Amino acid sequence: MFEKLRIKEHMEVANSEGLHVGTVDEVKDDAIKLTKSDSSDDMHHFLSLDVVDKIDDNRIYLKEGARIPEGLGNKAAVVDA
């Protein structure tokens, strides 16, 4: 799995539309551990390496339809009411 070797700490993780999901803390086994600072519940969340679509520069893009844990990427987002 060549993609696994290209994933480094502090890389941005984006959904298939390019919207911020989180930041890589580390790769553990076959999962990406995300920093808890990007999580609304201040907990680490994991994404399977199977949901990675591509890596471009310093950004990881997830496949369309990838299951993203609730609350990721929302902590710093501004929501219109």
PDB file of N, CA and C in Angstrom:
ATOM      1  N   MET A   1       0.852  -1.187   0.000  1.00  0.00           N
ATOM      2  CA  MET A   1       0.000   0.000   0.000  1.00  0.00           C
ATOM      3  C   MET A   1       0.890   1.240   0.000  1.00  0.00           C
ATOM      4  N   PHE A   2       1.216   1.730  -1.195  1.00  0.00           N
ATOM      5  CA  PHE A   2       2.142   2.851  -1.324  1.00  0.00           C
ATOM      6  C   PHE A   2       1.609   4.141  -0.726  1.00  0.00           C
ATOM      7  N   GLU A   3       0.313   4.348  -0.754  1.00  0.00           N
ATOM      8  CA  GLU A   3      -0.273   5.582  -0.236  1.00  0.00           C
ATOM      9  C   GLU A   3       0.044   5.774   1.243  1.00  0.00           C
ATOM     10  N   LYS A   4       0.065   4.673   1.965  1.00  0.00           N
ATOM     11  CA  LYS A   4       0.310   4.737   3.412  1.00  0.00           C
ATOM     12  C   LYS A   4       1.649   5.407   3.712  1.00  0.00           C
ATOM     13  N   LEU A   5       2.650   5.126   2.918  1.00  0.00           N
ATOM     14  CA  LEU A   5       3.975   5.691   3.141  1.00  0.00           C
ATOM     15  C   LEU A   5       4.030   7.194   2.849  1.00  0.00           C
ATOM     16  N   ARG A   6       3.123   7.669   2.028  1.00  0.00           N
ATOM     17  CA  ARG A   6       3.101   9.090   1.671  1.00  0.00           C
ATOM     18  C   ARG A   6       2.346   9.944   2.674  1.00  0.00           C
ATOM     19  N   ILE A   7       1.609   9.332   3.572  1.00  0.00           N
ATOM     20  CA  ILE A   7       0.813  10.072   4.552  1.00  0.00           C
ATOM     21  C   ILE A   7       1.685  10.445   5.742  1.00  0.00           C
ATOM     22  N   LYS A   8       1.772  11.727   5.999  1.00  0.00           N
ATOM     23  CA  LYS A   8       2.639  12.244   7.063  1.00  0.00           C
ATOM     24  C   LYS A   8       1.841  13.077   8.065  1.00  0.00           C
ATOM     25  N   GLU A   9       2.412  13.221   9.239  1.00  0.00           N
ATOM     26  CA  GLU A   9       1.816  14.052  10.291  1.00  0.00           C
ATOM     27  C   GLU A   9       1.587  15.469   9.775  1.00  0.00           C
ATOM     28  N   HIS A  10       0.486  16.065  10.169  1.00  0.00           N
ATOM     29  CA  HIS A  10       0.088  17.442   9.853  1.00  0.00           C
ATOM     30  C   HIS A  10      -0.474  17.626   8.449  1.00  0.00           C
ATOM     31  N   MET A  11      -0.625  16.542   7.670  1.00  0.00           N
ATOM     32  CA  MET A  11      -1.255  16.683   6.358  1.00  0.00           C
ATOM     33  C   MET A  11      -2.737  16.971   6.547  1.00  0.00           C
ATOM     34  N   GLU A  12      -3.302  17.753   5.642  1.00  0.00           N
ATOM     35  CA  GLU A  12      -4.733  18.042   5.698  1.00  0.00           C
ATOM     36  C   GLU A  12      -5.502  16.888   5.062  1.00  0.00           C
ATOM     37  N   VAL A  13      -6.657  16.578   5.647  1.00  0.00           N
ATOM     38  CA  VAL A  13      -7.566  15.579   5.093  1.00  0.00           C
ATOM     39  C   VAL A  13      -8.817  16.319   4.631  1.00  0.00           C
ATOM     40  N   ALA A  14      -9.203  16.087   3.369  1.00  0.00           N
ATOM     41  CA  ALA A  14     -10.374  16.752   2.798  1.00  0.00           C
ATOM     42  C   ALA A  14     -11.337  15.713   2.252  1.00  0.00           C
ATOM     43  N   ASN A  15     -12.614  16.064   2.213  1.00  0.00           N
ATOM     44  CA  ASN A  15     -13.592  15.146   1.620  1.00  0.00           C
ATOM     45  C   ASN A  15     -13.462  15.200   0.099  1.00  0.00           C
ATOM     46  N   SER A  16     -14.314  14.497  -0.606  1.00  0.00           N
ATOM     47  CA  SER A  16     -14.211  14.425  -2.063  1.00  0.00           C
ATOM     48  C   SER A  16     -14.455  15.772  -2.741  1.00  0.00           C
ATOM     49  N   GLU A  17     -15.089  16.698  -2.026  1.00  0.00           N
ATOM     50  CA  GLU A  17     -15.355  18.037  -2.569  1.00  0.00           C
ATOM     51  C   GLU A  17     -14.256  19.034  -2.204  1.00  0.00           C
ATOM     52  N   GLY A  18     -13.248  18.572  -1.474  1.00  0.00           N
ATOM     53  CA  GLY A  18     -12.139  19.441  -1.091  1.00  0.00           C
ATOM     54  C   GLY A  18     -12.340  20.205   0.192  1.00  0.00           C
ATOM     55  N   LEU A  19     -13.410  19.903   0.933  1.00  0.00           N
ATOM     56  CA  LEU A  19     -13.671  20.593   2.201  1.00  0.00           C
ATOM     57  C   LEU A  19     -12.884  19.935   3.330  1.00  0.00           C
ATOM     58  N   HIS A  20     -12.346  20.750   4.210  1.00  0.00           N
ATOM     59  CA  HIS A  20     -11.518  20.274   5.327  1.00  0.00           C
ATOM     60  C   HIS A  20     -12.285  19.319   6.231  1.00  0.00           C
ATOM     61  N   VAL A  21     -11.673  18.171   6.499  1.00  0.00           N
ATOM     62  CA  VAL A  21     -12.243  17.180   7.412  1.00  0.00           C
ATOM     63  C   VAL A  21     -11.417  17.118   8.684  1.00  0.00           C
ATOM     64  N   GLY A  22     -10.109  17.146   8.546  1.00  0.00           N
ATOM     65  CA  GLY A  22      -9.242  17.035   9.707  1.00  0.00           C
ATOM     66  C   GLY A  22      -7.776  17.137   9.324  1.00  0.00           C
ATOM     67  N   THR A  23      -6.928  16.867  10.323  1.00  0.00           N
ATOM     68  CA  THR A  23      -5.486  16.920  10.152  1.00  0.00           C
ATOM     69  C   THR A  23      -4.890  15.622  10.683  1.00  0.00           C
ATOM     70  N   VAL A  24      -3.938  15.071   9.945  1.00  0.00           N
ATOM     71  CA  VAL A  24      -3.326  13.806  10.339  1.00  0.00           C
ATOM     72  C   VAL A  24      -2.495  13.984  11.604  1.00  0.00           C
ATOM     73  N   ASP A  25      -2.745  13.115  12.575  1.00  0.00           N
ATOM     74  CA  ASP A  25      -1.917  13.035  13.770  1.00  0.00           C
ATOM     75  C   ASP A  25      -0.849  11.967  13.533  1.00  0.00           C
ATOM     76  N   GLU A  26      -1.288  10.799  13.058  1.00  0.00           N
ATOM     77  CA  GLU A  26      -0.370   9.715  12.718  1.00  0.00           C
ATOM     78  C   GLU A  26      -1.123   8.628  11.967  1.00  0.00           C
ATOM     79  N   VAL A  27      -0.366   7.694  11.385  1.00  0.00           N
ATOM     80  CA  VAL A  27      -0.952   6.517  10.755  1.00  0.00           C
ATOM     81  C   VAL A  27      -0.712   5.347  11.698  1.00  0.00           C
ATOM     82  N   LYS A  28      -1.794   4.669  12.062  1.00  0.00           N
ATOM     83  CA  LYS A  28      -1.711   3.508  12.954  1.00  0.00           C
ATOM     84  C   LYS A  28      -2.323   2.321  12.228  1.00  0.00           C
ATOM     85  N   ASP A  29      -1.509   1.318  11.979  1.00  0.00           N
ATOM     86  CA  ASP A  29      -1.947   0.123  11.262  1.00  0.00           C
ATOM     87  C   ASP A  29      -2.534   0.539   9.908  1.00  0.00           C
ATOM     88  N   ASP A  30      -3.811   0.273   9.678  1.00  0.00           N
ATOM     89  CA  ASP A  30      -4.446   0.629   8.409  1.00  0.00           C
ATOM     90  C   ASP A  30      -5.464   1.758   8.581  1.00  0.00           C
ATOM     91  N   ALA A  31      -5.129   2.703   9.477  1.00  0.00           N
ATOM     92  CA  ALA A  31      -6.035   3.817   9.728  1.00  0.00           C
ATOM     93  C   ALA A  31      -5.252   5.119   9.922  1.00  0.00           C
ATOM     94  N   ILE A  32      -5.910   6.211   9.571  1.00  0.00           N
ATOM     95  CA  ILE A  32      -5.354   7.540   9.795  1.00  0.00           C
ATOM     96  C   ILE A  32      -5.961   8.068  11.088  1.00  0.00           C
ATOM     97  N   LYS A  33      -5.108   8.392  12.042  1.00  0.00           N
ATOM     98  CA  LYS A  33      -5.551   8.992  13.296  1.00  0.00           C
ATOM     99  C   LYS A  33      -5.537  10.497  13.093  1.00  0.00           C
ATOM    100  N   LEU A  34      -6.679  11.135  13.326  1.00  0.00           N
ATOM    101  CA  LEU A  34      -6.795  12.577  13.150  1.00  0.00           C
ATOM    102  C   LEU A  34      -6.590  13.305  14.475  1.00  0.00           C
ATOM    103  N   THR A  35      -6.098  14.537  14.383  1.00  0.00           N
ATOM    104  CA  THR A  35      -5.890  15.325  15.596  1.00  0.00           C
ATOM    105  C   THR A  35      -7.233  15.627  16.249  1.00  0.00           C
ATOM    106  N   LYS A  36      -7.231  15.685  17.554  1.00  0.00           N
ATOM    107  CA  LYS A  36      -8.481  15.974  18.247  1.00  0.00           C
ATOM    108  C   LYS A  36      -8.832  17.456  18.176  1.00  0.00           C
ATOM    109  N   SER A  37      -7.883  18.296  17.801  1.00  0.00           N
ATOM    110  CA  SER A  37      -8.177  19.734  17.694  1.00  0.00           C
ATOM    111  C   SER A  37      -9.145  20.048  16.548  1.00  0.00           C
ATOM    112  N   ASP A  38      -9.300  19.128  15.591  1.00  0.00           N
ATOM    113  CA  ASP A  38     -10.253  19.319  14.494  1.00  0.00           C
ATOM    114  C   ASP A  38     -11.612  18.718  14.793  1.00  0.00           C
ATOM    115  N   SER A  39     -11.777  18.165  15.967  1.00  0.00           N
ATOM    116  CA  SER A  39     -12.997  17.457  16.321  1.00  0.00           C
ATOM    117  C   SER A  39     -13.825  18.279  17.297  1.00  0.00           C
ATOM    118  N   SER A  40     -15.132  18.323  17.060  1.00  0.00           N
ATOM    119  CA  SER A  40     -16.001  19.093  17.958  1.00  0.00           C
ATOM    120  C   SER A  40     -16.114  18.461  19.339  1.00  0.00           C
ATOM    121  N   ASP A  41     -15.781  17.156  19.460  1.00  0.00           N
ATOM    122  CA  ASP A  41     -15.852  16.496  20.761  1.00  0.00           C
ATOM    123  C   ASP A  41     -14.481  16.343  21.423  1.00  0.00           C
ATOM    124  N   ASP A  42     -13.450  16.992  20.842  1.00  0.00           N
ATOM    125  CA  ASP A  42     -12.077  16.946  21.377  1.00  0.00           C
ATOM    126  C   ASP A  42     -11.568  15.528  21.587  1.00  0.00           C
ATOM    127  N   MET A  43     -11.922  14.631  20.672  1.00  0.00           N
ATOM    128  CA  MET A  43     -11.441  13.247  20.715  1.00  0.00           C
ATOM    129  C   MET A  43     -10.752  12.928  19.397  1.00  0.00           C
ATOM    130  N   HIS A  44      -9.824  11.978  19.446  1.00  0.00           N
ATOM    131  CA  HIS A  44      -9.202  11.491  18.218  1.00  0.00           C
ATOM    132  C   HIS A  44     -10.214  10.641  17.466  1.00  0.00           C
ATOM    133  N   HIS A  45     -10.225  10.766  16.152  1.00  0.00           N
ATOM    134  CA  HIS A  45     -11.058   9.930  15.301  1.00  0.00           C
ATOM    135  C   HIS A  45     -10.161   9.257  14.280  1.00  0.00           C
ATOM    136  N   PHE A  46     -10.626   8.148  13.743  1.00  0.00           N
ATOM    137  CA  PHE A  46      -9.836   7.371  12.800  1.00  0.00           C
ATOM    138  C   PHE A  46     -10.587   7.220  11.483  1.00  0.00           C
ATOM    139  N   LEU A  47      -9.827   7.255  10.386  1.00  0.00           N
ATOM    140  CA  LEU A  47     -10.364   6.981   9.060  1.00  0.00           C
ATOM    141  C   LEU A  47      -9.575   5.817   8.474  1.00  0.00           C
ATOM    142  N   SER A  48     -10.274   4.877   7.884  1.00  0.00           N
ATOM    143  CA  SER A  48      -9.617   3.741   7.249  1.00  0.00           C
ATOM    144  C   SER A  48      -8.828   4.214   6.036  1.00  0.00           C
ATOM    145  N   LEU A  49      -7.675   3.607   5.792  1.00  0.00           N
ATOM    146  CA  LEU A  49      -6.903   3.940   4.599  1.00  0.00           C
ATOM    147  C   LEU A  49      -7.667   3.584   3.326  1.00  0.00           C
ATOM    148  N   ASP A  50      -8.652   2.702   3.444  1.00  0.00           N
ATOM    149  CA  ASP A  50      -9.461   2.301   2.286  1.00  0.00           C
ATOM    150  C   ASP A  50     -10.290   3.450   1.719  1.00  0.00           C
ATOM    151  N   VAL A  51     -10.537   4.505   2.505  1.00  0.00           N
ATOM    152  CA  VAL A  51     -11.361   5.616   2.025  1.00  0.00           C
ATOM    153  C   VAL A  51     -10.536   6.726   1.369  1.00  0.00           C
ATOM    154  N   VAL A  52      -9.204   6.554   1.321  1.00  0.00           N
ATOM    155  CA  VAL A  52      -8.348   7.548   0.671  1.00  0.00           C
ATOM    156  C   VAL A  52      -8.463   7.391  -0.841  1.00  0.00           C
ATOM    157  N   ASP A  53      -8.799   8.481  -1.511  1.00  0.00           N
ATOM    158  CA  ASP A  53      -8.902   8.469  -2.968  1.00  0.00           C
ATOM    159  C   ASP A  53      -7.563   8.814  -3.602  1.00  0.00           C
ATOM    160  N   LYS A  54      -6.967   9.932  -3.126  1.00  0.00           N
ATOM    161  CA  LYS A  54      -5.688  10.362  -3.691  1.00  0.00           C
ATOM    162  C   LYS A  54      -4.972  11.278  -2.711  1.00  0.00           C
ATOM    163  N   ILE A  55      -3.687  11.470  -2.982  1.00  0.00           N
ATOM    164  CA  ILE A  55      -2.878  12.396  -2.204  1.00  0.00           C
ATOM    165  C   ILE A  55      -2.296  13.390  -3.196  1.00  0.00           C
ATOM    166  N   ASP A  56      -2.524  14.670  -2.937  1.00  0.00           N
ATOM    167  CA  ASP A  56      -2.066  15.723  -3.828  1.00  0.00           C
ATOM    168  C   ASP A  56      -1.322  16.750  -2.990  1.00  0.00           C
ATOM    169  N   ASP A  57      -0.034  16.910  -3.238  1.00  0.00           N
ATOM    170  CA  ASP A  57       0.812  17.798  -2.451  1.00  0.00           C
ATOM    171  C   ASP A  57       0.733  17.403  -0.973  1.00  0.00           C
ATOM    172  N   ASN A  58       0.218  18.290  -0.141  1.00  0.00           N
ATOM    173  CA  ASN A  58       0.150  18.020   1.297  1.00  0.00           C
ATOM    174  C   ASN A  58      -1.300  17.811   1.735  1.00  0.00           C
ATOM    175  N   ARG A  59      -2.132  17.275   0.827  1.00  0.00           N
ATOM    176  CA  ARG A  59      -3.550  17.104   1.122  1.00  0.00           C
ATOM    177  C   ARG A  59      -4.003  15.707   0.718  1.00  0.00           C
ATOM    178  N   ILE A  60      -4.785  15.097   1.588  1.00  0.00           N
ATOM    179  CA  ILE A  60      -5.348  13.774   1.351  1.00  0.00           C
ATOM    180  C   ILE A  60      -6.822  13.964   1.004  1.00  0.00           C
ATOM    181  N   TYR A  61      -7.242  13.410  -0.119  1.00  0.00           N
ATOM    182  CA  TYR A  61      -8.648  13.482  -0.528  1.00  0.00           C
ATOM    183  C   TYR A  61      -9.310  12.133  -0.285  1.00  0.00           C
ATOM    184  N   LEU A  62     -10.495  12.176   0.302  1.00  0.00           N
ATOM    185  CA  LEU A  62     -11.250  10.959   0.570  1.00  0.00           C
ATOM    186  C   LEU A  62     -12.165  10.638  -0.603  1.00  0.00           C
ATOM    187  N   LYS A  63     -12.495   9.363  -0.734  1.00  0.00           N
ATOM    188  CA  LYS A  63     -13.397   8.920  -1.793  1.00  0.00           C
ATOM    189  C   LYS A  63     -14.790   9.498  -1.565  1.00  0.00           C
ATOM    190  N   GLU A  64     -15.507   9.678  -2.672  1.00  0.00           N
ATOM    191  CA  GLU A  64     -16.890  10.129  -2.574  1.00  0.00           C
ATOM    192  C   GLU A  64     -17.683   9.075  -1.808  1.00  0.00           C
ATOM    193  N   GLY A  65     -18.499   9.512  -0.864  1.00  0.00           N
ATOM    194  CA  GLY A  65     -19.298   8.593  -0.061  1.00  0.00           C
ATOM    195  C   GLY A  65     -18.560   8.012   1.139  1.00  0.00           C
ATOM    196  N   ALA A  66     -17.319   8.449   1.376  1.00  0.00           N
ATOM    197  CA  ALA A  66     -16.568   7.953   2.534  1.00  0.00           C
ATOM    198  C   ALA A  66     -17.293   8.344   3.822  1.00  0.00           C
ATOM    199  N   ARG A  67     -17.357   7.404   4.772  1.00  0.00           N
ATOM    200  CA  ARG A  67     -17.998   7.695   6.052  1.00  0.00           C
ATOM    201  C   ARG A  67     -17.051   8.534   6.891  1.00  0.00           C
ATOM    202  N   ILE A  68     -17.510   9.742   7.224  1.00  0.00           N
ATOM    203  CA  ILE A  68     -16.706  10.666   8.027  1.00  0.00           C
ATOM    204  C   ILE A  68     -17.380  10.794   9.385  1.00  0.00           C
ATOM    205  N   PRO A  69     -16.640  10.534  10.466  1.00  0.00           N
ATOM    206  CA  PRO A  69     -17.234  10.632  11.804  1.00  0.00           C
ATOM    207  C   PRO A  69     -17.853  12.010  12.049  1.00  0.00           C
ATOM    208  N   GLU A  70     -18.984  12.022  12.705  1.00  0.00           N
ATOM    209  CA  GLU A  70     -19.717  13.256  13.018  1.00  0.00           C
ATOM    210  C   GLU A  70     -18.843  14.226  13.805  1.00  0.00           C
ATOM    211  N   GLY A  71     -18.911  15.504  13.436  1.00  0.00           N
ATOM    212  CA  GLY A  71     -18.208  16.543  14.180  1.00  0.00           C
ATOM    213  C   GLY A  71     -16.825  16.871  13.672  1.00  0.00           C
ATOM    214  N   LEU A  72     -16.327  16.135  12.685  1.00  0.00           N
ATOM    215  CA  LEU A  72     -15.008  16.452  12.155  1.00  0.00           C
ATOM    216  C   LEU A  72     -15.085  17.626  11.205  1.00  0.00           C
ATOM    217  N   GLY A  73     -14.084  18.506  11.302  1.00  0.00           N
ATOM    218  CA  GLY A  73     -14.023  19.646  10.410  1.00  0.00           C
ATOM    219  C   GLY A  73     -15.010  20.748  10.741  1.00  0.00           C
ATOM    220  N   ASN A  74     -15.829  20.553  11.751  1.00  0.00           N
ATOM    221  CA  ASN A  74     -16.872  21.536  12.078  1.00  0.00           C
ATOM    222  C   ASN A  74     -16.452  22.511  13.176  1.00  0.00           C
ATOM    223  N   LYS A  75     -15.394  22.196  13.893  1.00  0.00           N
ATOM    224  CA  LYS A  75     -15.038  22.992  15.056  1.00  0.00           C
ATOM    225  C   LYS A  75     -14.751  24.451  14.694  1.00  0.00           C
ATOM    226  N   ALA A  76     -14.034  24.666  13.601  1.00  0.00           N
ATOM    227  CA  ALA A  76     -13.678  26.029  13.215  1.00  0.00           C
ATOM    228  C   ALA A  76     -14.564  26.572  12.105  1.00  0.00           C
ATOM    229  N   ALA A  77     -15.522  25.771  11.669  1.00  0.00           N
ATOM    230  CA  ALA A  77     -16.382  26.195  10.549  1.00  0.00           C
ATOM    231  C   ALA A  77     -17.435  27.189  11.026  1.00  0.00           C
ATOM    232  N   VAL A  78     -17.740  28.121  10.167  1.00  0.00           N
ATOM    233  CA  VAL A  78     -18.809  29.086  10.437  1.00  0.00           C
ATOM    234  C   VAL A  78     -20.066  28.565   9.764  1.00  0.00           C
ATOM    235  N   VAL A  79     -21.131  28.467  10.527  1.00  0.00           N
ATOM    236  CA  VAL A  79     -22.384  27.946   9.997  1.00  0.00           C
ATOM    237  C   VAL A  79     -23.388  29.090   9.911  1.00  0.00           C
ATOM    238  N   ASP A  80     -23.959  29.286   8.720  1.00  0.00           N
ATOM    239  CA  ASP A  80     -24.986  30.324   8.556  1.00  0.00           C
ATOM    240  C   ASP A  80     -26.293  29.838   9.140  1.00  0.00           C
ATOM    241  N   ALA A  81     -26.968  30.697   9.859  1.00  0.00           N
ATOM    242  CA  ALA A  81     -28.239  30.321  10.481  1.00  0.00           C
ATOM    243  C   ALA A  81     -29.394  30.665   9.587  1.00  0.00           C
TER     244      ALA A  81
END
